[in-house]
């Protein structure tokens, strides 16, 4: 099935952040997300899922195990299971990115 942001499940998360579930199966999740300026995700980890974040527009700061890395449009970052992490938008513009999780993170998130 062809997917667009108009024909997939939409949801809100965090502080006015948005998400669109492009693929949502037990073994794989692909999500398109948007974060307004000055927002961040809560620090957390996944016991089983690995994740790959790919920045489509803007730049994002990732905090992984206490180390911060800035990832720009056209770049991605791979996060292995059990690593404490979060994404932060320190910029003045909305950022857009995809996050691919394998397996799906449903029921696999532990907030720190």
Protein backbone atom coordinates (compact mmCIF):
# COMPACT_ATOMS: atom_id res chain seq x y z
CA UNK A 1 0.00 0.00 0.00
CA UNK A 2 1.27 3.45 -0.92
CA UNK A 3 1.69 5.65 2.17
CA UNK A 4 1.35 9.41 2.52
CA UNK A 5 1.02 11.59 5.59
CA UNK A 6 -2.66 12.00 4.64
CA UNK A 7 -3.53 8.26 4.78
CA UNK A 8 -1.64 7.00 7.87
CA UNK A 9 -2.29 7.24 11.61
CA UNK A 10 -1.46 10.68 13.02
CA UNK A 11 -0.71 11.39 16.69
CA UNK A 12 0.61 14.10 19.01
CA UNK A 13 3.38 13.50 21.52
CA UNK A 14 5.47 15.48 23.98
CA UNK A 15 5.29 19.26 23.82
CA UNK A 16 3.25 19.88 20.62
CA UNK A 17 5.26 17.34 18.62
CA UNK A 18 3.64 15.34 15.81
CA UNK A 19 3.98 11.86 14.37
CA UNK A 20 2.70 9.83 11.42
CA UNK A 21 2.92 5.99 11.54
CA UNK A 22 4.15 4.93 8.10
CA UNK A 23 4.78 1.28 9.06
CA UNK A 24 3.46 -0.24 12.29
CA UNK A 25 4.06 -3.99 12.61
CA UNK A 26 5.39 -5.99 15.56
CA UNK A 27 8.76 -6.41 13.85
CA UNK A 28 9.19 -2.94 12.37
CA UNK A 29 8.07 0.64 12.93
CA UNK A 30 8.75 3.59 10.62
CA UNK A 31 7.51 6.98 11.81
CA UNK A 32 7.71 10.48 10.31
CA UNK A 33 7.91 13.05 13.12
CA UNK A 34 8.04 16.82 13.59
CA UNK A 35 9.29 18.82 16.57
CA UNK A 36 8.72 22.57 17.08
CA UNK A 37 11.59 24.80 18.21
CA UNK A 38 12.68 24.40 21.82
CA UNK A 39 11.10 20.97 22.38
CA UNK A 40 12.65 17.72 23.58
CA UNK A 41 11.76 14.13 24.24
CA UNK A 42 12.04 12.59 27.73
CA UNK A 43 15.21 10.63 28.40
CA UNK A 44 14.45 6.91 27.94
CA UNK A 45 15.72 3.61 26.57
CA UNK A 46 14.37 0.51 24.85
CA UNK A 47 15.13 -2.96 26.18
CA UNK A 48 14.87 -4.73 22.79
CA UNK A 49 14.47 -2.22 19.98
CA UNK A 50 17.26 -0.59 18.02
CA UNK A 51 16.44 2.70 16.34
CA UNK A 52 17.65 4.76 13.41
CA UNK A 53 16.80 8.46 13.24
CA UNK A 54 17.20 10.24 9.89
CA UNK A 55 16.93 14.04 9.76
CA UNK A 56 14.87 15.28 6.79
CA UNK A 57 14.86 19.01 7.58
CA UNK A 58 16.73 21.08 10.16
CA UNK A 59 19.12 19.72 12.76
CA UNK A 60 18.58 17.82 15.99
CA UNK A 61 20.66 17.25 19.08
CA UNK A 62 20.73 13.68 20.35
CA UNK A 63 21.72 12.92 23.91
CA UNK A 64 22.91 9.29 24.09
CA UNK A 65 24.31 8.00 27.37
CA UNK A 66 25.07 11.60 28.41
CA UNK A 67 26.96 12.50 25.20
CA UNK A 68 25.43 15.10 22.86
CA UNK A 69 25.69 14.86 19.06
CA UNK A 70 24.20 17.26 16.51
CA UNK A 71 22.75 15.55 13.43
CA UNK A 72 21.96 17.64 10.34
CA UNK A 73 19.53 17.17 7.43
CA UNK A 74 20.72 14.29 5.28
CA UNK A 75 22.38 12.55 8.24
CA UNK A 76 21.22 9.81 10.60
CA UNK A 77 22.13 8.20 13.90
CA UNK A 78 21.80 4.58 15.03
CA UNK A 79 20.85 3.89 18.66
CA UNK A 80 21.29 0.39 20.04
CA UNK A 81 18.98 -1.20 22.64
CA UNK A 82 19.47 -0.24 26.32
CA UNK A 83 21.21 3.08 25.54
CA UNK A 84 19.57 6.03 27.32
CA UNK A 85 18.68 8.65 24.73
CA UNK A 86 16.51 11.56 23.68
CA UNK A 87 16.15 14.00 20.79
CA UNK A 88 16.19 17.76 21.38
CA UNK A 89 15.37 20.66 19.05
CA UNK A 90 17.62 23.52 20.17
CA UNK A 91 17.00 25.42 16.92
CA UNK A 92 14.53 28.16 16.03
CA UNK A 93 12.80 26.11 13.32
CA UNK A 94 10.61 23.03 13.22
CA UNK A 95 12.55 19.86 12.47
CA UNK A 96 11.34 16.83 10.51
CA UNK A 97 12.80 13.33 10.74
CA UNK A 98 12.04 9.65 10.46
CA UNK A 99 12.60 7.08 13.17
CA UNK A 100 12.83 3.41 12.26
CA UNK A 101 12.59 0.89 15.10
CA UNK A 102 13.26 -2.84 14.93
CA UNK A 103 11.36 -4.46 16.54
CA UNK A 104 8.49 -2.05 17.20
CA UNK A 105 8.93 -0.04 20.43
CA UNK A 106 5.36 -0.64 21.62
CA UNK A 107 5.66 -1.73 25.27
CA UNK A 108 9.47 -1.55 25.07
CA UNK A 109 10.09 2.00 26.34
CA UNK A 110 11.49 2.66 29.81
CA UNK A 111 11.51 6.31 30.96
CA UNK A 112 14.54 7.39 33.01
